[in-house]
Amino acid sequence: MSAGFSPGWLALREPADRAARNPDVLAACTAAFCGRQDLRIVDIGAGTGATLRALHGLLLPVQDWTLVDHDPDGLATARKLLSRDPEARDTDGDIVLDLAGRSLRVRFRRHDLARGLPDDLQDTDLVTASALFDLTSIDWIEGLARTLARSSVALLAMLTFDGMIRCAPGHRLDAPVAAAFAAHQKRDKGLGIAAGPGTARGLVRAFAAHGYRCVEGESPWHLAQGSALRAEVVDGIAAAVAETALLTPPDISEWRDFARNEAETLTIGHVDLFAAPPPEGAA
């Protein structure tokens, strides 16, 4: 997978991601495993482990996590952050610790999703991912759905970009910028032609085709003036739009300056999704 994100960028966005995650989707996920004591989770595109940090307090008392990413720096950062807990211990390369009253065992696995899915996805209860699927193709998503459906594995897909880029108050170039950024997003990021803003719909179609029940909810960022994340996001959007040549450099500069410095709020739209497999024996 060619797209990469530095640990610094992931740390910058983690508070906004945590605030944005949709509570109704998270509630649907926790309700699906009600009555059990333990849960096996594989987090793909795990980065520095932000998904684990966001979810562990909501899930079952005993959790077995496998963090999967192609970037060794991200996985090393995840291990370092977990190891800071005074009761964390290294057991055969895994980190074992107690957090928020939960007992966790965390494995770290380097794997490039462009080379295929990890071979242990079917030997788990829940696959999670954050800000990943809009980088993948519809074919890749359909392959994931087939793989998980074979063993009735649930999916929690969070912070999938939905195409919304909007200033408040609005700017005359909001819509053209969003359209150009969507065009840039649909380039191949290493997992086929990326689905981009159509990802959420593609996920629902792919999993519903296997009888999954899907619960969706919005999870937008609302970025205030002066935030470091907003500056980075605006600069990244402007750079991507410039690569498309769909807007003139003066227009891009005008929008960038407004979105960075003048708009009260910049909203970046995301969607969260929980896909629950059909009950055993269902047609």
Protein backbone atom coordinates (compact mmCIF):
# COMPACT_ATOMS: atom_id res chain seq x y z
CA MET A 1 0.00 0.00 0.00
CA SER A 2 1.62 3.22 -1.13
CA ALA A 3 -0.26 5.75 1.03
CA GLY A 4 1.55 6.39 4.31
CA PHE A 5 0.92 8.59 7.33
CA SER A 6 3.57 9.63 9.81
CA PRO A 7 3.15 9.01 13.53
CA GLY A 8 3.21 12.80 13.97
CA TRP A 9 0.21 13.28 11.67
CA LEU A 10 -1.66 10.42 13.35
CA ALA A 11 -1.04 11.98 16.78
CA LEU A 12 -2.28 15.34 15.52
CA ARG A 13 -5.57 13.95 14.27
CA GLU A 14 -6.26 11.51 17.12
CA PRO A 15 -8.16 13.95 19.41
CA ALA A 16 -10.41 15.04 16.51
CA ASP A 17 -11.02 11.42 15.55
CA ARG A 18 -11.94 10.52 19.11
CA ALA A 19 -14.44 13.39 19.31
CA ALA A 20 -15.95 12.55 15.92
CA ARG A 21 -16.62 8.81 16.32
CA ASN A 22 -20.35 8.19 16.12
CA PRO A 23 -21.82 7.03 19.47
CA ASP A 24 -24.77 5.20 17.89
CA VAL A 25 -22.49 3.13 15.68
CA LEU A 26 -20.24 2.35 18.64
CA ALA A 27 -23.30 1.34 20.67
CA ALA A 28 -24.42 -1.02 17.90
CA CYS A 29 -20.99 -2.65 17.96
CA THR A 30 -20.92 -3.12 21.72
CA ALA A 31 -24.50 -4.44 21.75
CA ALA A 32 -23.62 -7.09 19.16
CA PHE A 33 -21.25 -8.77 21.62
CA CYS A 34 -23.36 -8.31 24.74
CA GLY A 35 -23.24 -11.30 27.10
CA ARG A 36 -19.75 -12.40 26.16
CA GLN A 37 -16.61 -12.00 28.25
CA ASP A 38 -13.90 -11.98 25.61
CA LEU A 39 -13.39 -10.56 22.13
CA ARG A 40 -10.81 -11.09 19.41
CA ILE A 41 -10.16 -7.95 17.34
CA VAL A 42 -7.96 -7.34 14.29
CA ASP A 43 -7.34 -3.66 13.54
CA ILE A 44 -6.18 -3.17 9.95
CA GLY A 45 -4.31 -0.03 8.97
CA ALA A 46 -3.71 0.32 12.69
CA GLY A 47 -1.12 3.12 12.55
CA THR A 48 -0.09 3.97 16.10
CA GLY A 49 -3.00 2.14 17.74
CA ALA A 50 -5.51 5.00 17.98
CA THR A 51 -8.47 2.68 17.34
CA LEU A 52 -7.50 0.49 20.28
CA ARG A 53 -7.12 3.53 22.51
CA ALA A 54 -10.55 4.80 21.46
CA LEU A 55 -12.41 1.50 21.82
CA HIS A 56 -10.88 -0.63 24.55
CA GLY A 57 -12.92 1.01 27.32
CA LEU A 58 -16.17 0.25 25.46
CA LEU A 59 -15.59 -3.41 24.71
CA LEU A 60 -15.61 -6.66 26.66
CA PRO A 61 -13.57 -7.42 29.80
CA VAL A 62 -11.03 -9.60 27.97
CA GLN A 63 -9.70 -8.35 24.63
CA ASP A 64 -7.19 -9.90 22.24
CA TRP A 65 -5.99 -7.30 19.71
CA THR A 66 -3.85 -7.72 16.61
CA LEU A 67 -2.63 -4.41 15.19
CA VAL A 68 -1.85 -4.72 11.48
CA ASP A 69 -0.01 -2.06 9.48
CA HIS A 70 2.62 -1.89 6.75
CA ASP A 71 4.53 0.91 8.51
CA PRO A 72 7.03 -0.31 11.12
CA ASP A 73 7.34 3.19 12.62
CA GLY A 74 3.61 3.31 13.36
CA LEU A 75 3.66 -0.11 14.98
CA ALA A 76 6.75 0.78 16.99
CA THR A 77 4.98 3.89 18.25
CA ALA A 78 1.90 1.84 19.18
CA ARG A 79 4.09 -0.56 21.17
CA LYS A 80 5.90 2.32 22.88
CA LEU A 81 2.66 4.04 23.90
CA LEU A 82 1.17 0.85 25.33
CA SER A 83 4.41 -0.04 27.10
CA ARG A 84 4.28 3.21 29.08
CA ASP A 85 1.63 1.69 31.33
CA PRO A 86 3.43 0.70 34.54
CA GLU A 87 1.76 -2.71 34.58
CA ALA A 88 2.38 -3.51 30.92
CA ARG A 89 4.59 -6.50 30.30
CA ASP A 90 6.14 -8.04 27.24
CA THR A 91 5.08 -11.66 26.76
CA ASP A 92 6.69 -13.39 23.78
CA GLY A 93 6.63 -10.11 21.84
CA ASP A 94 3.03 -9.25 22.78
CA ILE A 95 2.06 -6.52 25.20
CA VAL A 96 -0.21 -7.66 28.05
CA LEU A 97 -1.82 -5.06 30.29
CA ASP A 98 -4.95 -3.90 32.08
CA LEU A 99 -6.66 -0.71 30.88
CA ALA A 100 -9.93 0.78 32.10
CA GLY A 101 -10.76 -2.48 33.89
CA ARG A 102 -10.16 -4.52 30.75
CA SER A 103 -7.52 -7.19 30.28
CA LEU A 104 -5.74 -6.72 26.95
CA ARG A 105 -3.27 -8.76 24.97
CA VAL A 106 -1.91 -6.85 21.98
CA ARG A 107 -0.02 -8.34 19.04
CA PHE A 108 1.78 -6.33 16.36
CA ARG A 109 1.91 -7.51 12.79
CA ARG A 110 3.57 -5.81 9.85
CA HIS A 111 1.60 -6.53 6.70
CA ASP A 112 1.04 -4.65 3.43
CA LEU A 113 -2.67 -4.76 2.56
CA ALA A 114 -1.75 -4.23 -1.10
CA ARG A 115 -0.36 -7.77 -1.06
CA GLY A 116 -3.65 -9.22 0.17
CA LEU A 117 -5.62 -9.53 3.36
CA PRO A 118 -3.99 -10.90 6.51
CA ASP A 119 -4.50 -14.64 6.67
CA ASP A 120 -5.99 -14.56 10.16
CA LEU A 121 -8.98 -12.27 9.50
CA GLN A 122 -11.35 -15.22 9.61
CA ASP A 123 -10.00 -16.34 13.00
CA THR A 124 -11.43 -13.34 14.86
CA ASP A 125 -14.70 -11.78 16.01
CA LEU A 126 -14.33 -8.18 14.88
CA VAL A 127 -12.28 -6.35 12.27
CA THR A 128 -11.81 -2.63 12.87
CA ALA A 129 -10.33 0.17 10.79
CA SER A 130 -10.19 3.95 11.03
CA ALA A 131 -9.69 6.35 8.10
CA LEU A 132 -8.68 3.48 5.83
CA PHE A 133 -11.39 2.39 3.45
CA ASP A 134 -11.62 5.55 1.34
CA LEU A 135 -8.07 4.67 0.21
CA THR A 136 -9.20 1.25 -1.03
CA SER A 137 -11.06 0.16 -4.16
CA ILE A 138 -14.56 -1.26 -4.38
CA ASP A 139 -13.05 -4.57 -5.54
CA TRP A 140 -10.83 -4.64 -2.44
CA ILE A 141 -13.83 -3.89 -0.19
CA GLU A 142 -15.87 -6.65 -1.84
CA GLY A 143 -13.01 -9.07 -1.29
CA LEU A 144 -12.90 -8.11 2.38
CA ALA A 145 -16.67 -8.65 2.68
CA ARG A 146 -16.39 -12.12 1.15
CA THR A 147 -13.54 -13.04 3.49
CA LEU A 148 -15.31 -11.87 6.64
CA ALA A 149 -18.65 -13.38 5.61
CA ARG A 150 -17.11 -16.86 5.35
CA SER A 151 -16.58 -16.85 9.13
CA SER A 152 -19.31 -14.40 10.20
CA VAL A 153 -16.83 -11.75 11.33
CA ALA A 154 -18.21 -8.28 12.14
CA LEU A 155 -16.74 -5.03 10.80
CA LEU A 156 -16.41 -1.64 12.47
CA ALA A 157 -15.28 0.93 9.86
CA MET A 158 -14.80 4.43 11.24
CA LEU A 159 -13.92 7.87 9.92
CA THR A 160 -14.46 7.09 6.25
CA PHE A 161 -14.31 10.35 4.27
CA ASP A 162 -17.65 11.13 2.59
CA GLY A 163 -16.67 14.01 0.31
CA MET A 164 -17.83 16.93 2.47
CA ILE A 165 -15.45 19.89 2.72
CA ARG A 166 -17.31 22.96 3.92
CA CYS A 167 -16.40 26.27 5.48
CA ALA A 168 -18.72 28.19 7.80
CA PRO A 169 -19.49 30.78 6.68
CA GLY A 170 -19.39 29.19 3.26
CA HIS A 171 -16.98 30.14 0.50
CA ARG A 172 -17.81 30.27 -3.20
CA LEU A 173 -15.12 27.66 -3.90
CA ASP A 174 -16.16 25.07 -1.30
CA ALA A 175 -17.98 22.89 -3.84
CA PRO A 176 -15.30 23.09 -6.59
CA VAL A 177 -12.58 22.33 -4.06
CA ALA A 178 -14.53 19.34 -2.72
CA ALA A 179 -15.10 18.04 -6.27
CA ALA A 180 -11.43 18.40 -7.20
CA PHE A 181 -10.31 16.75 -3.97
CA ALA A 182 -12.73 13.87 -4.65
CA ALA A 183 -11.19 13.43 -8.08
CA HIS A 184 -7.73 13.29 -6.52
CA GLN A 185 -8.93 10.78 -3.94
CA LYS A 186 -10.04 8.38 -6.64
CA ARG A 187 -6.48 7.76 -7.77
CA ASP A 188 -4.82 4.43 -7.03
CA LYS A 189 -3.38 4.51 -3.48
CA GLY A 190 -1.93 1.01 -3.79
CA LEU A 191 -5.19 -0.94 -3.36
CA GLY A 192 -6.74 -0.28 -6.76
CA ILE A 193 -8.62 2.81 -7.93
CA ALA A 194 -9.75 4.31 -4.64
CA ALA A 195 -13.48 4.50 -3.96
CA GLY A 196 -13.06 7.92 -2.35
CA PRO A 197 -16.31 9.60 -1.28
CA GLY A 198 -18.33 6.62 -2.53
CA THR A 199 -16.68 4.30 -0.03
CA ALA A 200 -19.42 4.29 2.61
CA ARG A 201 -22.07 3.31 0.06
CA GLY A 202 -19.73 0.66 -1.30
CA LEU A 203 -19.17 -0.82 2.14
CA VAL A 204 -22.90 -1.07 2.80
CA ARG A 205 -23.56 -2.71 -0.57
CA ALA A 206 -20.69 -5.16 -0.19
CA PHE A 207 -21.67 -6.35 3.28
CA ALA A 208 -25.44 -6.24 2.75
CA ALA A 209 -24.92 -8.61 -0.18
CA HIS A 210 -23.81 -11.20 2.39
CA GLY A 211 -26.76 -10.60 4.70
CA TYR A 212 -24.99 -8.23 7.09
CA ARG A 213 -27.03 -5.66 9.02
CA CYS A 214 -25.40 -2.26 8.67
CA VAL A 215 -25.68 0.68 11.05
CA GLU A 216 -24.32 3.99 9.76
CA GLY A 217 -23.74 7.38 11.36
CA GLU A 218 -21.97 10.61 10.56
CA SER A 219 -18.63 11.34 12.23
CA PRO A 220 -17.47 14.73 10.92
CA TRP A 221 -14.55 16.81 12.04
CA HIS A 222 -15.50 20.37 13.05
CA LEU A 223 -12.18 22.19 13.02
CA ALA A 224 -11.99 25.57 14.74
CA GLN A 225 -9.83 28.54 13.82
CA GLY A 226 -6.23 28.34 14.88
CA SER A 227 -5.96 24.59 15.31
CA ALA A 228 -2.80 22.90 14.06
CA LEU A 229 -4.89 20.09 12.58
CA ARG A 230 -6.97 22.52 10.55
CA ALA A 231 -3.86 24.15 9.10
CA GLU A 232 -2.44 20.76 8.09
CA VAL A 233 -5.76 19.60 6.61
CA VAL A 234 -6.27 22.76 4.56
CA ASP A 235 -2.72 22.67 3.22
CA GLY A 236 -3.12 19.00 2.32
CA ILE A 237 -6.41 19.60 0.52
CA ALA A 238 -4.97 22.57 -1.39
CA ALA A 239 -1.91 20.55 -2.46
CA ALA A 240 -4.09 17.66 -3.66
CA VAL A 241 -6.40 19.99 -5.58
CA ALA A 242 -3.41 21.65 -7.22
CA GLU A 243 -2.28 18.25 -8.53
CA THR A 244 -5.58 17.83 -10.38
CA ALA A 245 -5.26 21.15 -12.29
CA LEU A 246 -9.05 21.47 -12.00
CA LEU A 247 -8.79 24.86 -10.28
CA THR A 248 -6.49 27.76 -11.03
CA PRO A 249 -3.65 28.55 -8.63
CA PRO A 250 -5.24 31.89 -7.65
CA ASP A 251 -8.53 30.16 -6.80
CA ILE A 252 -6.73 27.52 -4.76
CA SER A 253 -4.81 30.20 -2.86
CA GLU A 254 -8.00 32.18 -2.22
CA TRP A 255 -9.80 29.15 -0.80
CA ARG A 256 -6.77 28.02 1.18
CA ASP A 257 -6.36 31.41 2.87
CA PHE A 258 -10.05 31.64 3.72
CA ALA A 259 -10.31 28.06 5.00
CA ARG A 260 -7.12 28.37 7.01
CA ASN A 261 -7.56 31.81 8.55
CA GLU A 262 -11.02 33.30 8.10
CA ALA A 263 -13.73 30.64 8.31
CA GLU A 264 -15.09 30.12 11.81
CA THR A 265 -15.31 26.37 11.27
CA LEU A 266 -14.11 23.89 8.67
CA THR A 267 -16.17 20.69 8.46
CA ILE A 268 -14.70 17.53 6.97
CA GLY A 269 -17.33 14.82 6.58
CA HIS A 270 -16.87 11.19 7.63
CA VAL A 271 -19.13 8.18 8.08
CA ASP A 272 -18.88 5.36 10.64
CA LEU A 273 -20.31 1.92 9.94
CA PHE A 274 -20.90 -1.25 11.93
CA ALA A 275 -21.71 -4.34 9.87
CA ALA A 276 -23.05 -7.28 11.87
CA PRO A 277 -23.16 -10.74 10.28
CA PRO A 278 -26.50 -12.50 9.95
CA PRO A 279 -27.47 -14.82 12.82
CA GLU A 280 -26.32 -18.42 12.52
CA GLY A 281 -28.73 -20.39 10.39
CA ALA A 282 -30.17 -17.30 8.66
CA ALA A 283 -30.63 -17.60 4.92
